[in-house]
């Protein structure tokens, strides 16, 4: 996997090597860019796209808003992801915050805020 920021080949390491603790997962990491992405379990399949510190913070913020939103609406998680896909004009595979860039995170947060405002 190549780094999205500098196109250097990412190193593939275990979570124990990366974090100092074994989380039963692996990491693709670009040290110069501080960009990384975890994998599904001990596989080589990434959970999303590599993210630097700015993007990781945006994704955390988007998840915070999204999780609070769907839980307050008593939606199931799958209903919430369908709502997101519809609102964002994405297919089911693209409707994952781990695949979003900064712009998509901001769009999602704004859509959630508008939805909350319109229902009050």
PDB file of N, CA and C in Angstrom:
ATOM      1  N   UNK A   1       0.855  -1.178   0.000  1.00  0.00           N
ATOM      2  CA  UNK A   1       0.000   0.000   0.000  1.00  0.00           C
ATOM      3  C   UNK A   1       0.894   1.233   0.000  1.00  0.00           C
ATOM      4  N   UNK A   2       0.526   2.192  -0.829  1.00  0.00           N
ATOM      5  CA  UNK A   2       1.282   3.447  -0.889  1.00  0.00           C
ATOM      6  C   UNK A   2       0.602   4.508  -0.033  1.00  0.00           C
ATOM      7  N   UNK A   3       1.419   5.350   0.550  1.00  0.00           N
ATOM      8  CA  UNK A   3       0.921   6.470   1.340  1.00  0.00           C
ATOM      9  C   UNK A   3       0.177   7.432   0.413  1.00  0.00           C
ATOM     10  N   UNK A   4      -0.986   7.885   0.836  1.00  0.00           N
ATOM     11  CA  UNK A   4      -1.783   8.822   0.046  1.00  0.00           C
ATOM     12  C   UNK A   4      -1.164  10.213  -0.004  1.00  0.00           C
ATOM     13  N   UNK A   5      -0.266  10.497   0.916  1.00  0.00           N
ATOM     14  CA  UNK A   5       0.298  11.836   1.025  1.00  0.00           C
ATOM     15  C   UNK A   5       1.620  11.984   0.267  1.00  0.00           C
ATOM     16  N   UNK A   6       2.510  10.976   0.384  1.00  0.00           N
ATOM     17  CA  UNK A   6       3.831  11.100  -0.246  1.00  0.00           C
ATOM     18  C   UNK A   6       4.127   9.984  -1.247  1.00  0.00           C
ATOM     19  N   UNK A   7       3.197   9.062  -1.381  1.00  0.00           N
ATOM     20  CA  UNK A   7       3.295   7.931  -2.312  1.00  0.00           C
ATOM     21  C   UNK A   7       4.453   6.972  -2.012  1.00  0.00           C
ATOM     22  N   UNK A   8       5.007   7.052  -0.815  1.00  0.00           N
ATOM     23  CA  UNK A   8       6.012   6.100  -0.364  1.00  0.00           C
ATOM     24  C   UNK A   8       5.305   4.795  -0.008  1.00  0.00           C
ATOM     25  N   UNK A   9       5.967   3.689  -0.215  1.00  0.00           N
ATOM     26  CA  UNK A   9       5.404   2.396   0.168  1.00  0.00           C
ATOM     27  C   UNK A   9       5.291   2.356   1.695  1.00  0.00           C
ATOM     28  N   UNK A  10       4.090   2.099   2.192  1.00  0.00           N
ATOM     29  CA  UNK A  10       3.857   2.027   3.636  1.00  0.00           C
ATOM     30  C   UNK A  10       4.487   0.748   4.186  1.00  0.00           C
ATOM     31  N   UNK A  11       4.932   0.824   5.423  1.00  0.00           N
ATOM     32  CA  UNK A  11       5.435  -0.385   6.071  1.00  0.00           C
ATOM     33  C   UNK A  11       4.248  -1.118   6.689  1.00  0.00           C
ATOM     34  N   UNK A  12       4.347  -2.425   6.767  1.00  0.00           N
ATOM     35  CA  UNK A  12       3.273  -3.266   7.306  1.00  0.00           C
ATOM     36  C   UNK A  12       3.799  -3.875   8.596  1.00  0.00           C
ATOM     37  N   UNK A  13       3.174  -3.520   9.712  1.00  0.00           N
ATOM     38  CA  UNK A  13       3.645  -3.979  11.018  1.00  0.00           C
ATOM     39  C   UNK A  13       2.479  -4.479  11.853  1.00  0.00           C
ATOM     40  N   UNK A  14       2.799  -5.251  12.868  1.00  0.00           N
ATOM     41  CA  UNK A  14       1.769  -5.710  13.807  1.00  0.00           C
ATOM     42  C   UNK A  14       1.423  -4.563  14.759  1.00  0.00           C
ATOM     43  N   UNK A  15       0.255  -4.646  15.366  1.00  0.00           N
ATOM     44  CA  UNK A  15      -0.126  -3.621  16.340  1.00  0.00           C
ATOM     45  C   UNK A  15       0.858  -3.615  17.511  1.00  0.00           C
ATOM     46  N   UNK A  16       1.428  -4.764  17.837  1.00  0.00           N
ATOM     47  CA  UNK A  16       2.409  -4.817  18.923  1.00  0.00           C
ATOM     48  C   UNK A  16       3.645  -3.988  18.579  1.00  0.00           C
ATOM     49  N   UNK A  17       4.099  -4.077  17.320  1.00  0.00           N
ATOM     50  CA  UNK A  17       5.246  -3.278  16.886  1.00  0.00           C
ATOM     51  C   UNK A  17       4.890  -1.786  16.846  1.00  0.00           C
ATOM     52  N   UNK A  18       3.655  -1.480  16.441  1.00  0.00           N
ATOM     53  CA  UNK A  18       3.244  -0.091  16.254  1.00  0.00           C
ATOM     54  C   UNK A  18       2.893   0.597  17.567  1.00  0.00           C
ATOM     55  N   UNK A  19       2.042  -0.069  18.378  1.00  0.00           N
ATOM     56  CA  UNK A  19       1.546   0.530  19.618  1.00  0.00           C
ATOM     57  C   UNK A  19       2.279   0.059  20.868  1.00  0.00           C
ATOM     58  N   UNK A  20       3.038  -1.042  20.729  1.00  0.00           N
ATOM     59  CA  UNK A  20       3.666  -1.628  21.911  1.00  0.00           C
ATOM     60  C   UNK A  20       2.744  -2.584  22.643  1.00  0.00           C
ATOM     61  N   UNK A  21       1.568  -2.812  22.090  1.00  0.00           N
ATOM     62  CA  UNK A  21       0.585  -3.729  22.669  1.00  0.00           C
ATOM     63  C   UNK A  21      -0.083  -4.477  21.529  1.00  0.00           C
ATOM     64  N   UNK A  22      -0.371  -5.743  21.749  1.00  0.00           N
ATOM     65  CA  UNK A  22      -0.985  -6.565  20.703  1.00  0.00           C
ATOM     66  C   UNK A  22      -2.506  -6.427  20.734  1.00  0.00           C
ATOM     67  N   UNK A  23      -3.041  -5.776  19.700  1.00  0.00           N
ATOM     68  CA  UNK A  23      -4.487  -5.620  19.564  1.00  0.00           C
ATOM     69  C   UNK A  23      -5.057  -6.600  18.548  1.00  0.00           C
ATOM     70  N   UNK A  24      -4.259  -7.593  18.168  1.00  0.00           N
ATOM     71  CA  UNK A  24      -4.677  -8.628  17.204  1.00  0.00           C
ATOM     72  C   UNK A  24      -5.058  -8.010  15.861  1.00  0.00           C
ATOM     73  N   UNK A  25      -4.278  -7.024  15.443  1.00  0.00           N
ATOM     74  CA  UNK A  25      -4.477  -6.361  14.163  1.00  0.00           C
ATOM     75  C   UNK A  25      -3.120  -5.951  13.607  1.00  0.00           C
ATOM     76  N   UNK A  26      -3.115  -5.481  12.394  1.00  0.00           N
ATOM     77  CA  UNK A  26      -1.898  -4.997  11.754  1.00  0.00           C
ATOM     78  C   UNK A  26      -2.096  -3.545  11.340  1.00  0.00           C
ATOM     79  N   UNK A  27      -1.009  -2.911  10.952  1.00  0.00           N
ATOM     80  CA  UNK A  27      -1.034  -1.491  10.597  1.00  0.00           C
ATOM     81  C   UNK A  27      -0.208  -1.272   9.332  1.00  0.00           C
ATOM     82  N   UNK A  28      -0.760  -0.464   8.416  1.00  0.00           N
ATOM     83  CA  UNK A  28       0.019   0.087   7.320  1.00  0.00           C
ATOM     84  C   UNK A  28       0.415   1.480   7.781  1.00  0.00           C
ATOM     85  N   UNK A  29       1.721   1.779   7.754  1.00  0.00           N
ATOM     86  CA  UNK A  29       2.186   3.040   8.316  1.00  0.00           C
ATOM     87  C   UNK A  29       3.199   3.726   7.410  1.00  0.00           C
ATOM     88  N   UNK A  30       3.068   5.042   7.306  1.00  0.00           N
ATOM     89  CA  UNK A  30       4.069   5.886   6.645  1.00  0.00           C
ATOM     90  C   UNK A  30       4.659   6.773   7.740  1.00  0.00           C
ATOM     91  N   UNK A  31       5.860   6.458   8.149  1.00  0.00           N
ATOM     92  CA  UNK A  31       6.496   7.179   9.251  1.00  0.00           C
ATOM     93  C   UNK A  31       6.692   8.662   8.930  1.00  0.00           C
ATOM     94  N   UNK A  32       7.228   9.039   7.754  1.00  0.00           N
ATOM     95  CA  UNK A  32       7.441  10.472   7.481  1.00  0.00           C
ATOM     96  C   UNK A  32       6.160  11.310   7.544  1.00  0.00           C
ATOM     97  N   UNK A  33       5.043  10.741   7.142  1.00  0.00           N
ATOM     98  CA  UNK A  33       3.775  11.490   7.106  1.00  0.00           C
ATOM     99  C   UNK A  33       2.921  11.287   8.360  1.00  0.00           C
ATOM    100  N   UNK A  34       3.328  10.378   9.230  1.00  0.00           N
ATOM    101  CA  UNK A  34       2.511   9.999  10.390  1.00  0.00           C
ATOM    102  C   UNK A  34       1.105   9.592   9.942  1.00  0.00           C
ATOM    103  N   UNK A  35       1.052   8.904   8.814  1.00  0.00           N
ATOM    104  CA  UNK A  35      -0.224   8.412   8.283  1.00  0.00           C
ATOM    105  C   UNK A  35      -0.268   6.904   8.489  1.00  0.00           C
ATOM    106  N   UNK A  36      -1.440   6.408   8.864  1.00  0.00           N
ATOM    107  CA  UNK A  36      -1.573   4.970   9.027  1.00  0.00           C
ATOM    108  C   UNK A  36      -3.026   4.546   8.952  1.00  0.00           C
ATOM    109  N   UNK A  37      -3.214   3.236   8.791  1.00  0.00           N
ATOM    110  CA  UNK A  37      -4.538   2.629   8.801  1.00  0.00           C
ATOM    111  C   UNK A  37      -4.386   1.216   9.363  1.00  0.00           C
ATOM    112  N   UNK A  38      -5.345   0.818  10.169  1.00  0.00           N
ATOM    113  CA  UNK A  38      -5.350  -0.531  10.704  1.00  0.00           C
ATOM    114  C   UNK A  38      -5.999  -1.496   9.727  1.00  0.00           C
ATOM    115  N   UNK A  39      -5.917  -2.775  10.066  1.00  0.00           N
ATOM    116  CA  UNK A  39      -6.501  -3.812   9.218  1.00  0.00           C
ATOM    117  C   UNK A  39      -7.591  -4.566   9.961  1.00  0.00           C
ATOM    118  N   UNK A  40      -8.351  -5.314   9.200  1.00  0.00           N
ATOM    119  CA  UNK A  40      -9.350  -6.215   9.772  1.00  0.00           C
ATOM    120  C   UNK A  40      -8.596  -7.361  10.433  1.00  0.00           C
ATOM    121  N   UNK A  41      -8.592  -7.396  11.749  1.00  0.00           N
ATOM    122  CA  UNK A  41      -7.901  -8.469  12.463  1.00  0.00           C
ATOM    123  C   UNK A  41      -6.453  -8.577  12.034  1.00  0.00           C
ATOM    124  N   UNK A  42      -5.969  -9.778  11.952  1.00  0.00           N
ATOM    125  CA  UNK A  42      -4.584 -10.006  11.550  1.00  0.00           C
ATOM    126  C   UNK A  42      -4.428 -10.125  10.041  1.00  0.00           C
ATOM    127  N   UNK A  43      -5.402  -9.650   9.294  1.00  0.00           N
ATOM    128  CA  UNK A  43      -5.340  -9.745   7.831  1.00  0.00           C
ATOM    129  C   UNK A  43      -4.517  -8.603   7.251  1.00  0.00           C
ATOM    130  N   UNK A  44      -4.464  -8.537   5.945  1.00  0.00           N
ATOM    131  CA  UNK A  44      -3.824  -7.425   5.241  1.00  0.00           C
ATOM    132  C   UNK A  44      -4.859  -6.458   4.678  1.00  0.00           C
ATOM    133  N   UNK A  45      -6.152  -6.680   4.982  1.00  0.00           N
ATOM    134  CA  UNK A  45      -7.243  -5.856   4.450  1.00  0.00           C
ATOM    135  C   UNK A  45      -7.419  -4.598   5.302  1.00  0.00           C
ATOM    136  N   UNK A  46      -7.153  -3.416   4.733  1.00  0.00           N
ATOM    137  CA  UNK A  46      -7.276  -2.184   5.519  1.00  0.00           C
ATOM    138  C   UNK A  46      -8.722  -1.877   5.896  1.00  0.00           C
ATOM    139  N   UNK A  47      -8.876  -1.220   7.041  1.00  0.00           N
ATOM    140  CA  UNK A  47     -10.200  -0.813   7.527  1.00  0.00           C
ATOM    141  C   UNK A  47     -10.727   0.422   6.803  1.00  0.00           C
ATOM    142  N   UNK A  48      -9.848   1.149   6.147  1.00  0.00           N
ATOM    143  CA  UNK A  48     -10.225   2.366   5.428  1.00  0.00           C
ATOM    144  C   UNK A  48      -9.029   2.819   4.632  1.00  0.00           C
ATOM    145  N   UNK A  49      -8.853   4.133   4.567  1.00  0.00           N
ATOM    146  CA  UNK A  49      -7.690   4.692   3.882  1.00  0.00           C
ATOM    147  C   UNK A  49      -6.715   5.230   4.921  1.00  0.00           C
ATOM    148  N   UNK A  50      -5.457   5.353   4.517  1.00  0.00           N
ATOM    149  CA  UNK A  50      -4.462   5.908   5.425  1.00  0.00           C
ATOM    150  C   UNK A  50      -4.844   7.340   5.781  1.00  0.00           C
ATOM    151  N   UNK A  51      -4.541   7.712   7.013  1.00  0.00           N
ATOM    152  CA  UNK A  51      -4.904   9.047   7.481  1.00  0.00           C
ATOM    153  C   UNK A  51      -3.761   9.656   8.288  1.00  0.00           C
ATOM    154  N   UNK A  52      -3.502  10.930   8.022  1.00  0.00           N
ATOM    155  CA  UNK A  52      -2.531  11.655   8.842  1.00  0.00           C
ATOM    156  C   UNK A  52      -3.256  12.199  10.074  1.00  0.00           C
ATOM    157  N   UNK A  53      -2.546  12.934  10.925  1.00  0.00           N
ATOM    158  CA  UNK A  53      -3.155  13.384  12.180  1.00  0.00           C
ATOM    159  C   UNK A  53      -4.368  14.282  11.945  1.00  0.00           C
ATOM    160  N   UNK A  54      -4.313  15.165  10.948  1.00  0.00           N
ATOM    161  CA  UNK A  54      -5.458  16.042  10.662  1.00  0.00           C
ATOM    162  C   UNK A  54      -6.685  15.222  10.271  1.00  0.00           C
ATOM    163  N   UNK A  55      -6.524  14.274   9.392  1.00  0.00           N
ATOM    164  CA  UNK A  55      -7.650  13.466   8.942  1.00  0.00           C
ATOM    165  C   UNK A  55      -8.161  12.559  10.062  1.00  0.00           C
ATOM    166  N   UNK A  56      -7.264  12.012  10.867  1.00  0.00           N
ATOM    167  CA  UNK A  56      -7.714  11.181  11.995  1.00  0.00           C
ATOM    168  C   UNK A  56      -8.599  11.991  12.938  1.00  0.00           C
ATOM    169  N   UNK A  57      -8.214  13.247  13.208  1.00  0.00           N
ATOM    170  CA  UNK A  57      -9.020  14.101  14.077  1.00  0.00           C
ATOM    171  C   UNK A  57     -10.374  14.412  13.450  1.00  0.00           C
ATOM    172  N   UNK A  58     -10.404  14.674  12.150  1.00  0.00           N
ATOM    173  CA  UNK A  58     -11.674  14.936  11.458  1.00  0.00           C
ATOM    174  C   UNK A  58     -12.579  13.718  11.502  1.00  0.00           C
ATOM    175  N   UNK A  59     -12.007  12.544  11.283  1.00  0.00           N
ATOM    176  CA  UNK A  59     -12.805  11.314  11.332  1.00  0.00           C
ATOM    177  C   UNK A  59     -13.345  11.052  12.731  1.00  0.00           C
ATOM    178  N   UNK A  60     -12.547  11.322  13.748  1.00  0.00           N
ATOM    179  CA  UNK A  60     -13.029  11.154  15.132  1.00  0.00           C
ATOM    180  C   UNK A  60     -14.209  12.084  15.398  1.00  0.00           C
ATOM    181  N   UNK A  61     -14.073  13.332  14.957  1.00  0.00           N
ATOM    182  CA  UNK A  61     -15.147  14.318  15.143  1.00  0.00           C
ATOM    183  C   UNK A  61     -16.406  13.885  14.391  1.00  0.00           C
ATOM    184  N   UNK A  62     -16.235  13.421  13.152  1.00  0.00           N
ATOM    185  CA  UNK A  62     -17.381  12.969  12.364  1.00  0.00           C
ATOM    186  C   UNK A  62     -18.054  11.775  13.036  1.00  0.00           C
ATOM    187  N   UNK A  63     -17.264  10.846  13.548  1.00  0.00           N
ATOM    188  CA  UNK A  63     -17.839   9.682  14.234  1.00  0.00           C
ATOM    189  C   UNK A  63     -18.564  10.096  15.504  1.00  0.00           C
ATOM    190  N   UNK A  64     -18.011  11.043  16.224  1.00  0.00           N
ATOM    191  CA  UNK A  64     -18.655  11.525  17.445  1.00  0.00           C
ATOM    192  C   UNK A  64     -20.046  12.069  17.124  1.00  0.00           C
ATOM    193  N   UNK A  65     -20.140  12.920  16.109  1.00  0.00           N
ATOM    194  CA  UNK A  65     -21.435  13.484  15.703  1.00  0.00           C
ATOM    195  C   UNK A  65     -22.371  12.394  15.177  1.00  0.00           C
ATOM    196  N   UNK A  66     -21.845  11.543  14.326  1.00  0.00           N
ATOM    197  CA  UNK A  66     -22.657  10.495  13.709  1.00  0.00           C
ATOM    198  C   UNK A  66     -23.200   9.513  14.750  1.00  0.00           C
ATOM    199  N   UNK A  67     -22.348   9.049  15.642  1.00  0.00           N
ATOM    200  CA  UNK A  67     -22.792   8.082  16.660  1.00  0.00           C
ATOM    201  C   UNK A  67     -23.820   8.700  17.603  1.00  0.00           C
ATOM    202  N   UNK A  68     -23.582   9.937  18.011  1.00  0.00           N
ATOM    203  CA  UNK A  68     -24.540  10.630  18.883  1.00  0.00           C
ATOM    204  C   UNK A  68     -25.878  10.809  18.160  1.00  0.00           C
ATOM    205  N   UNK A  69     -25.807  11.170  16.876  1.00  0.00           N
ATOM    206  CA  UNK A  69     -27.009  11.389  16.075  1.00  0.00           C
ATOM    207  C   UNK A  69     -27.866  10.138  15.986  1.00  0.00           C
ATOM    208  N   UNK A  70     -27.300   9.017  15.526  1.00  0.00           N
ATOM    209  CA  UNK A  70     -28.134   7.839  15.308  1.00  0.00           C
ATOM    210  C   UNK A  70     -28.619   7.233  16.612  1.00  0.00           C
ATOM    211  N   UNK A  71     -27.809   7.321  17.649  1.00  0.00           N
ATOM    212  CA  UNK A  71     -28.256   6.779  18.940  1.00  0.00           C
ATOM    213  C   UNK A  71     -29.390   7.608  19.525  1.00  0.00           C
ATOM    214  N   UNK A  72     -29.346   8.932  19.329  1.00  0.00           N
ATOM    215  CA  UNK A  72     -30.412   9.796  19.851  1.00  0.00           C
ATOM    216  C   UNK A  72     -31.705   9.632  19.057  1.00  0.00           C
ATOM    217  N   UNK A  73     -31.604   9.163  17.843  1.00  0.00           N
ATOM    218  CA  UNK A  73     -32.775   8.945  16.991  1.00  0.00           C
ATOM    219  C   UNK A  73     -33.327   7.529  17.120  1.00  0.00           C
ATOM    220  N   UNK A  74     -32.710   6.749  17.981  1.00  0.00           N
ATOM    221  CA  UNK A  74     -33.103   5.353  18.173  1.00  0.00           C
ATOM    222  C   UNK A  74     -33.087   4.581  16.859  1.00  0.00           C
ATOM    223  N   UNK A  75     -32.138   4.907  16.007  1.00  0.00           N
ATOM    224  CA  UNK A  75     -31.922   4.173  14.764  1.00  0.00           C
ATOM    225  C   UNK A  75     -31.021   2.984  15.065  1.00  0.00           C
ATOM    226  N   UNK A  76     -31.120   1.978  14.249  1.00  0.00           N
ATOM    227  CA  UNK A  76     -30.108   0.923  14.336  1.00  0.00           C
ATOM    228  C   UNK A  76     -28.865   1.452  13.626  1.00  0.00           C
ATOM    229  N   UNK A  77     -27.755   0.822  13.876  1.00  0.00           N
ATOM    230  CA  UNK A  77     -26.515   1.232  13.223  1.00  0.00           C
ATOM    231  C   UNK A  77     -26.644   1.091  11.700  1.00  0.00           C
ATOM    232  N   UNK A  78     -27.245   0.000  11.246  1.00  0.00           N
ATOM    233  CA  UNK A  78     -27.396  -0.198   9.802  1.00  0.00           C
ATOM    234  C   UNK A  78     -28.343   0.838   9.201  1.00  0.00           C
ATOM    235  N   UNK A  79     -29.399   1.216   9.911  1.00  0.00           N
ATOM    236  CA  UNK A  79     -30.287   2.281   9.422  1.00  0.00           C
ATOM    237  C   UNK A  79     -29.528   3.603   9.309  1.00  0.00           C
ATOM    238  N   UNK A  80     -28.650   3.847  10.273  1.00  0.00           N
ATOM    239  CA  UNK A  80     -27.870   5.085  10.268  1.00  0.00           C
ATOM    240  C   UNK A  80     -26.922   5.126   9.069  1.00  0.00           C
ATOM    241  N   UNK A  81     -26.299   3.997   8.767  1.00  0.00           N
ATOM    242  CA  UNK A  81     -25.398   3.979   7.611  1.00  0.00           C
ATOM    243  C   UNK A  81     -26.167   4.116   6.300  1.00  0.00           C
ATOM    244  N   UNK A  82     -27.387   3.611   6.247  1.00  0.00           N
ATOM    245  CA  UNK A  82     -28.224   3.814   5.063  1.00  0.00           C
ATOM    246  C   UNK A  82     -28.593   5.289   4.935  1.00  0.00           C
ATOM    247  N   UNK A  83     -28.914   5.925   6.073  1.00  0.00           N
ATOM    248  CA  UNK A  83     -29.215   7.352   6.070  1.00  0.00           C
ATOM    249  C   UNK A  83     -28.004   8.117   5.550  1.00  0.00           C
ATOM    250  N   UNK A  84     -26.810   7.786   6.077  1.00  0.00           N
ATOM    251  CA  UNK A  84     -25.587   8.462   5.647  1.00  0.00           C
ATOM    252  C   UNK A  84     -25.363   8.292   4.146  1.00  0.00           C
ATOM    253  N   UNK A  85     -25.498   7.071   3.658  1.00  0.00           N
ATOM    254  CA  UNK A  85     -25.285   6.806   2.228  1.00  0.00           C
ATOM    255  C   UNK A  85     -26.231   7.654   1.389  1.00  0.00           C
ATOM    256  N   UNK A  86     -27.488   7.727   1.798  1.00  0.00           N
ATOM    257  CA  UNK A  86     -28.488   8.512   1.078  1.00  0.00           C
ATOM    258  C   UNK A  86     -28.157  10.002   1.123  1.00  0.00           C
ATOM    259  N   UNK A  87     -27.843  10.506   2.300  1.00  0.00           N
ATOM    260  CA  UNK A  87     -27.541  11.931   2.465  1.00  0.00           C
ATOM    261  C   UNK A  87     -26.287  12.364   1.705  1.00  0.00           C
ATOM    262  N   UNK A  88     -25.318  11.462   1.649  1.00  0.00           N
ATOM    263  CA  UNK A  88     -24.025  11.788   1.042  1.00  0.00           C
ATOM    264  C   UNK A  88     -23.956  11.386  -0.431  1.00  0.00           C
ATOM    265  N   UNK A  89     -25.005  10.698  -0.921  1.00  0.00           N
ATOM    266  CA  UNK A  89     -25.000  10.235  -2.299  1.00  0.00           C
ATOM    267  C   UNK A  89     -23.946   9.167  -2.542  1.00  0.00           C
ATOM    268  N   UNK A  90     -23.792   8.281  -1.573  1.00  0.00           N
ATOM    269  CA  UNK A  90     -22.781   7.233  -1.638  1.00  0.00           C
ATOM    270  C   UNK A  90     -23.423   5.861  -1.698  1.00  0.00           C
ATOM    271  N   UNK A  91     -22.717   4.917  -2.254  1.00  0.00           N
ATOM    272  CA  UNK A  91     -23.141   3.530  -2.191  1.00  0.00           C
ATOM    273  C   UNK A  91     -22.826   2.971  -0.809  1.00  0.00           C
ATOM    274  N   UNK A  92     -23.326   1.801  -0.523  1.00  0.00           N
ATOM    275  CA  UNK A  92     -23.112   1.193   0.791  1.00  0.00           C
ATOM    276  C   UNK A  92     -21.625   1.035   1.120  1.00  0.00           C
ATOM    277  N   UNK A  93     -20.815   0.703   0.131  1.00  0.00           N
ATOM    278  CA  UNK A  93     -19.379   0.500   0.386  1.00  0.00           C
ATOM    279  C   UNK A  93     -18.649   1.811   0.673  1.00  0.00           C
ATOM    280  N   UNK A  94     -19.141   2.902   0.145  1.00  0.00           N
ATOM    281  CA  UNK A  94     -18.488   4.197   0.353  1.00  0.00           C
ATOM    282  C   UNK A  94     -18.953   4.929   1.591  1.00  0.00           C
ATOM    283  N   UNK A  95     -20.017   4.445   2.208  1.00  0.00           N
ATOM    284  CA  UNK A  95     -20.603   5.123   3.362  1.00  0.00           C
ATOM    285  C   UNK A  95     -19.941   4.663   4.661  1.00  0.00           C
ATOM    286  N   UNK A  96     -18.658   4.905   4.755  1.00  0.00           N
ATOM    287  CA  UNK A  96     -17.888   4.578   5.955  1.00  0.00           C
ATOM    288  C   UNK A  96     -16.936   5.731   6.211  1.00  0.00           C
ATOM    289  N   UNK A  97     -16.975   6.256   7.403  1.00  0.00           N
ATOM    290  CA  UNK A  97     -16.153   7.404   7.750  1.00  0.00           C
ATOM    291  C   UNK A  97     -14.671   7.092   7.558  1.00  0.00           C
ATOM    292  N   UNK A  98     -14.276   5.851   7.714  1.00  0.00           N
ATOM    293  CA  UNK A  98     -12.871   5.457   7.521  1.00  0.00           C
ATOM    294  C   UNK A  98     -12.416   5.631   6.068  1.00  0.00           C
ATOM    295  N   UNK A  99     -13.357   5.859   5.165  1.00  0.00           N
ATOM    296  CA  UNK A  99     -13.031   6.081   3.754  1.00  0.00           C
ATOM    297  C   UNK A  99     -13.071   7.576   3.401  1.00  0.00           C
ATOM    298  N   UNK A 100     -13.526   8.414   4.337  1.00  0.00           N
ATOM    299  CA  UNK A 100     -13.741   9.833   4.061  1.00  0.00           C
ATOM    300  C   UNK A 100     -12.444  10.634   4.119  1.00  0.00           C
ATOM    301  N   UNK A 101     -12.422  11.709   3.310  1.00  0.00           N
ATOM    302  CA  UNK A 101     -11.368  12.711   3.437  1.00  0.00           C
ATOM    303  C   UNK A 101     -11.926  13.825   4.333  1.00  0.00           C
ATOM    304  N   UNK A 102     -11.135  14.860   4.563  1.00  0.00           N
ATOM    305  CA  UNK A 102     -11.554  15.958   5.444  1.00  0.00           C
ATOM    306  C   UNK A 102     -12.856  16.588   4.951  1.00  0.00           C
ATOM    307  N   UNK A 103     -12.961  16.834   3.654  1.00  0.00           N
ATOM    308  CA  UNK A 103     -14.156  17.460   3.094  1.00  0.00           C
ATOM    309  C   UNK A 103     -15.420  16.657   3.341  1.00  0.00           C
ATOM    310  N   UNK A 104     -15.351  15.348   3.133  1.00  0.00           N
ATOM    311  CA  UNK A 104     -16.532  14.508   3.358  1.00  0.00           C
ATOM    312  C   UNK A 104     -16.900  14.461   4.835  1.00  0.00           C
ATOM    313  N   UNK A 105     -15.902  14.479   5.715  1.00  0.00           N
ATOM    314  CA  UNK A 105     -16.197  14.513   7.151  1.00  0.00           C
ATOM    315  C   UNK A 105     -16.975  15.785   7.494  1.00  0.00           C
ATOM    316  N   UNK A 106     -16.531  16.908   6.959  1.00  0.00           N
ATOM    317  CA  UNK A 106     -17.200  18.184   7.223  1.00  0.00           C
ATOM    318  C   UNK A 106     -18.609  18.203   6.647  1.00  0.00           C
ATOM    319  N   UNK A 107     -18.789  17.644   5.464  1.00  0.00           N
ATOM    320  CA  UNK A 107     -20.128  17.576   4.857  1.00  0.00           C
ATOM    321  C   UNK A 107     -21.049  16.751   5.735  1.00  0.00           C
ATOM    322  N   UNK A 108     -20.587  15.599   6.203  1.00  0.00           N
ATOM    323  CA  UNK A 108     -21.413  14.743   7.059  1.00  0.00           C
ATOM    324  C   UNK A 108     -21.813  15.480   8.332  1.00  0.00           C
ATOM    325  N   UNK A 109     -20.858  16.127   8.979  1.00  0.00           N
ATOM    326  CA  UNK A 109     -21.159  16.856  10.216  1.00  0.00           C
ATOM    327  C   UNK A 109     -22.211  17.930   9.955  1.00  0.00           C
ATOM    328  N   UNK A 110     -22.073  18.669   8.864  1.00  0.00           N
ATOM    329  CA  UNK A 110     -23.051  19.718   8.535  1.00  0.00           C
ATOM    330  C   UNK A 110     -24.423  19.138   8.236  1.00  0.00           C
ATOM    331  N   UNK A 111     -24.491  18.002   7.559  1.00  0.00           N
ATOM    332  CA  UNK A 111     -25.783  17.364   7.273  1.00  0.00           C
ATOM    333  C   UNK A 111     -26.453  16.919   8.565  1.00  0.00           C
ATOM    334  N   UNK A 112     -25.669  16.386   9.487  1.00  0.00           N
ATOM    335  CA  UNK A 112     -26.219  15.961  10.775  1.00  0.00           C
ATOM    336  C   UNK A 112     -26.756  17.176  11.530  1.00  0.00           C
ATOM    337  N   UNK A 113     -25.992  18.253  11.566  1.00  0.00           N
ATOM    338  CA  UNK A 113     -26.430  19.472  12.263  1.00  0.00           C
ATOM    339  C   UNK A 113     -27.721  20.019  11.659  1.00  0.00           C
ATOM    340  N   UNK A 114     -27.817  20.026  10.315  1.00  0.00           N
ATOM    341  CA  UNK A 114     -29.039  20.506   9.651  1.00  0.00           C
ATOM    342  C   UNK A 114     -30.218  19.608   9.981  1.00  0.00           C
ATOM    343  N   UNK A 115     -29.997  18.300   9.977  1.00  0.00           N
ATOM    344  CA  UNK A 115     -31.067  17.356  10.281  1.00  0.00           C
ATOM    345  C   UNK A 115     -31.575  17.560  11.708  1.00  0.00           C
ATOM    346  N   UNK A 116     -30.679  17.747  12.630  1.00  0.00           N
ATOM    347  CA  UNK A 116     -31.068  17.979  14.030  1.00  0.00           C
ATOM    348  C   UNK A 116     -31.837  19.292  14.142  1.00  0.00           C
ATOM    349  N   UNK A 117     -31.331  20.326  13.499  1.00  0.00           N
ATOM    350  CA  UNK A 117     -31.985  21.638  13.549  1.00  0.00           C
ATOM    351  C   UNK A 117     -33.367  21.619  12.935  1.00  0.00           C
ATOM    352  N   UNK A 118     -33.522  20.895  11.824  1.00  0.00           N
ATOM    353  CA  UNK A 118     -34.820  20.865  11.141  1.00  0.00           C
ATOM    354  C   UNK A 118     -35.871  20.052  11.899  1.00  0.00           C
ATOM    355  N   UNK A 119     -35.417  19.191  12.779  1.00  0.00           N
ATOM    356  CA  UNK A 119     -36.382  18.355  13.512  1.00  0.00           C
ATOM    357  C   UNK A 119     -36.717  18.901  14.892  1.00  0.00           C
ATOM    358  N   UNK A 120     -36.155  20.065  15.234  1.00  0.00           N
ATOM    359  CA  UNK A 120     -36.469  20.644  16.556  1.00  0.00           C
ATOM    360  C   UNK A 120     -37.444  21.765  16.446  1.00  0.00           C
TER     361      UNK A 120
END
